[in-house]
C-alpha atoms as a PDB file:
ATOM      1  CA  MET A   1      -6.979  20.195  46.910  1.00  0.00           C
ATOM      2  CA  THR A   2      -8.488  16.837  46.018  1.00  0.00           C
ATOM      3  CA  ASN A   3      -8.312  17.833  42.361  1.00  0.00           C
ATOM      4  CA  LEU A   4      -4.526  18.072  42.594  1.00  0.00           C
ATOM      5  CA  SER A   5      -4.431  14.797  44.510  1.00  0.00           C
ATOM      6  CA  ASP A   6      -6.578  13.122  41.835  1.00  0.00           C
ATOM      7  CA  MET A   7      -4.311  14.457  39.109  1.00  0.00           C
ATOM      8  CA  MET A   8      -1.224  13.128  40.887  1.00  0.00           C
ATOM      9  CA  GLN A   9      -2.830   9.693  41.285  1.00  0.00           C
ATOM     10  CA  LYS A  10      -3.779   9.644  37.594  1.00  0.00           C
ATOM     11  CA  ALA A  11      -0.242  10.633  36.640  1.00  0.00           C
ATOM     12  CA  GLN A  12       1.195   7.778  38.721  1.00  0.00           C
ATOM     13  CA  VAL A  13      -1.225   5.268  37.170  1.00  0.00           C
ATOM     14  CA  MET A  14      -0.422   6.594  33.707  1.00  0.00           C
ATOM     15  CA  LYS A  15       3.319   6.314  34.328  1.00  0.00           C
ATOM     16  CA  GLN A  16       2.891   2.723  35.531  1.00  0.00           C
ATOM     17  CA  LYS A  17       0.776   1.805  32.493  1.00  0.00           C
ATOM     18  CA  MET A  18       3.331   3.352  30.133  1.00  0.00           C
ATOM     19  CA  GLU A  19       6.154   1.416  31.809  1.00  0.00           C
ATOM     20  CA  GLU A  20       4.126  -1.793  31.452  1.00  0.00           C
ATOM     21  CA  MET A  21       3.528  -0.997  27.778  1.00  0.00           C
ATOM     22  CA  GLN A  22       7.266  -0.489  27.186  1.00  0.00           C
ATOM     23  CA  VAL A  23       7.851  -4.036  28.440  1.00  0.00           C
ATOM     24  CA  LYS A  24       4.897  -5.333  26.410  1.00  0.00           C
ATOM     25  CA  VAL A  25       6.220  -3.908  23.125  1.00  0.00           C
ATOM     26  CA  LEU A  26       9.232  -6.201  23.391  1.00  0.00           C
ATOM     27  CA  ASP A  27       6.839  -9.143  22.974  1.00  0.00           C
ATOM     28  CA  MET A  28       4.852  -7.584  20.125  1.00  0.00           C
ATOM     29  CA  GLU A  29       5.705  -8.752  16.634  1.00  0.00           C
ATOM     30  CA  VAL A  30       5.139  -6.939  13.385  1.00  0.00           C
ATOM     31  CA  GLU A  31       6.042  -8.060   9.882  1.00  0.00           C
ATOM     32  CA  GLY A  32       7.441  -5.812   7.189  1.00  0.00           C
ATOM     33  CA  GLN A  33       7.636  -6.869   3.562  1.00  0.00           C
ATOM     34  CA  ALA A  34       9.119  -5.743   0.290  1.00  0.00           C
ATOM     35  CA  GLY A  35       9.206  -7.019  -3.262  1.00  0.00           C
ATOM     36  CA  ALA A  36       5.728  -8.572  -3.066  1.00  0.00           C
ATOM     37  CA  GLY A  37       6.818 -10.634  -0.063  1.00  0.00           C
ATOM     38  CA  MET A  38      10.192 -11.726  -1.446  1.00  0.00           C
ATOM     39  CA  VAL A  39      11.826 -10.178   1.627  1.00  0.00           C
ATOM     40  CA  LYS A  40      10.104 -10.370   5.007  1.00  0.00           C
ATOM     41  CA  VAL A  41      11.278  -8.954   8.306  1.00  0.00           C
ATOM     42  CA  VAL A  42       9.768  -9.567  11.741  1.00  0.00           C
ATOM     43  CA  ALA A  43      10.481  -6.961  14.405  1.00  0.00           C
ATOM     44  CA  ASN A  44       9.291  -6.265  17.925  1.00  0.00           C
ATOM     45  CA  GLY A  45       7.477  -3.084  18.914  1.00  0.00           C
ATOM     46  CA  LYS A  46      10.791  -1.334  19.546  1.00  0.00           C
ATOM     47  CA  GLY A  47      11.928  -2.014  15.979  1.00  0.00           C
ATOM     48  CA  GLU A  48      14.468  -4.687  16.886  1.00  0.00           C
ATOM     49  CA  ILE A  49      14.713  -7.211  14.052  1.00  0.00           C
ATOM     50  CA  LYS A  50      13.907 -10.755  15.177  1.00  0.00           C
ATOM     51  CA  LYS A  51      13.658 -12.624  11.869  1.00  0.00           C
ATOM     52  CA  LEU A  52      14.651 -12.118   8.251  1.00  0.00           C
ATOM     53  CA  ASP A  53      13.359 -14.274   5.401  1.00  0.00           C
ATOM     54  CA  ILE A  54      14.624 -13.847   1.851  1.00  0.00           C
ATOM     55  CA  ASP A  55      13.024 -15.794  -0.977  1.00  0.00           C
ATOM     56  CA  PRO A  56      15.787 -17.520  -2.975  1.00  0.00           C
ATOM     57  CA  SER A  57      14.423 -15.969  -6.173  1.00  0.00           C
ATOM     58  CA  ALA A  58      15.392 -12.531  -4.789  1.00  0.00           C
ATOM     59  CA  ILE A  59      19.060 -13.519  -4.611  1.00  0.00           C
ATOM     60  CA  ASP A  60      20.804 -12.520  -7.812  1.00  0.00           C
ATOM     61  CA  PRO A  61      24.582 -12.205  -7.491  1.00  0.00           C
ATOM     62  CA  ASN A  62      24.553  -9.767 -10.409  1.00  0.00           C
ATOM     63  CA  ASP A  63      22.030  -7.451  -8.725  1.00  0.00           C
ATOM     64  CA  LYS A  64      23.204  -7.062  -5.147  1.00  0.00           C
ATOM     65  CA  GLU A  65      21.759  -3.548  -4.940  1.00  0.00           C
ATOM     66  CA  LEU A  66      18.202  -4.768  -5.542  1.00  0.00           C
ATOM     67  CA  LEU A  67      18.402  -7.206  -2.626  1.00  0.00           C
ATOM     68  CA  GLU A  68      19.891  -4.510  -0.394  1.00  0.00           C
ATOM     69  CA  ASP A  69      17.056  -2.152  -1.325  1.00  0.00           C
ATOM     70  CA  LEU A  70      14.451  -4.851  -0.609  1.00  0.00           C
ATOM     71  CA  VAL A  71      15.937  -5.576   2.826  1.00  0.00           C
ATOM     72  CA  ILE A  72      16.004  -1.868   3.687  1.00  0.00           C
ATOM     73  CA  ALA A  73      12.402  -1.435   2.497  1.00  0.00           C
ATOM     74  CA  ALA A  74      11.204  -4.442   4.523  1.00  0.00           C
ATOM     75  CA  VAL A  75      12.978  -3.190   7.664  1.00  0.00           C
ATOM     76  CA  ASN A  76      11.493   0.291   7.231  1.00  0.00           C
ATOM     77  CA  ASP A  77       8.038  -1.226   6.683  1.00  0.00           C
ATOM     78  CA  ALA A  78       8.304  -3.248   9.903  1.00  0.00           C
ATOM     79  CA  LYS A  79       9.598  -0.217  11.813  1.00  0.00           C
ATOM     80  CA  SER A  80       6.743   1.957  10.580  1.00  0.00           C
ATOM     81  CA  LYS A  81       4.133  -0.674  11.466  1.00  0.00           C
ATOM     82  CA  GLY A  82       5.684  -1.104  14.905  1.00  0.00           C
ATOM     83  CA  GLU A  83       5.609   2.635  15.564  1.00  0.00           C
ATOM     84  CA  ARG A  84       1.933   2.776  14.573  1.00  0.00           C
ATOM     85  CA  MET A  85       1.163  -0.176  16.848  1.00  0.00           C
ATOM     86  CA  VAL A  86       2.899   1.482  19.823  1.00  0.00           C
ATOM     87  CA  ALA A  87       1.132   4.792  19.104  1.00  0.00           C
ATOM     88  CA  ALA A  88      -2.239   3.009  19.034  1.00  0.00           C
ATOM     89  CA  GLU A  89      -1.486   1.311  22.374  1.00  0.00           C
ATOM     90  CA  THR A  90      -0.454   4.650  23.867  1.00  0.00           C
ATOM     91  CA  GLN A  91      -3.648   6.317  22.633  1.00  0.00           C
ATOM     92  CA  LYS A  92      -5.710   3.469  24.097  1.00  0.00           C
ATOM     93  CA  ILE A  93      -4.087   3.918  27.508  1.00  0.00           C
ATOM     94  CA  MET A  94      -4.651   7.665  27.360  1.00  0.00           C
ATOM     95  CA  SER A  95      -8.260   7.245  26.266  1.00  0.00           C
ATOM     96  CA  ASP A  96      -8.937   4.715  29.040  1.00  0.00           C
ATOM     97  CA  MET A  97      -7.679   7.298  31.523  1.00  0.00           C
ATOM     98  CA  GLY A  98      -9.766  10.092  30.043  1.00  0.00           C
ATOM     99  CA  LEU A  99      -6.780  12.036  28.742  1.00  0.00           C
ATOM    100  CA  PRO A 100      -6.877  13.966  25.466  1.00  0.00           C
ATOM    101  CA  ALA A 101      -5.299  12.443  22.351  1.00  0.00           C
ATOM    102  CA  GLY A 102      -1.862  13.775  21.493  1.00  0.00           C
ATOM    103  CA  LEU A 103      -1.018  14.844  25.022  1.00  0.00           C
ATOM    104  CA  ASP A 104       2.769  15.091  25.331  1.00  0.00           C
ATOM    105  CA  LEU A 105       3.798  13.241  28.457  1.00  0.00           C
ATOM    106  CA  PRO A 106       7.173  13.567  30.224  1.00  0.00           C
ATOM    107  CA  PHE A 107       7.639   9.766  30.587  1.00  0.00           C
END
C-alpha cells in the first residue's frame, strides 16, 4: 500500500509545483521579432503582450499590410518562444520528480 501512498504524495507535490509554475510564467518575459528586428514584441509565458516596439522605418502609410504582417509575425514568434519556455519548465519539473517525458497530466 505504501506504493499507492507514495504515488499520491508525488501527485500532490507535482500539482503544487505546476501551480507554482503557472504563477511563475506570468513573470517570464520572451521577445518575438520580425522584419530583422523592425518589430519587437515582449510577452509573458502565457503569451500576453507586455510591450510592442516598432522601428519608425517600418511605418509606411502606403504599405499598411506589411506593418500588420510584421506585427502578427512578431506576436507569433513571442508566443511560440513562450510555449517552448513553459514546456521546458514543465519537463524540468517532471524530470526532477522522476516522471517520464511527455506524460499527460490532468492538471
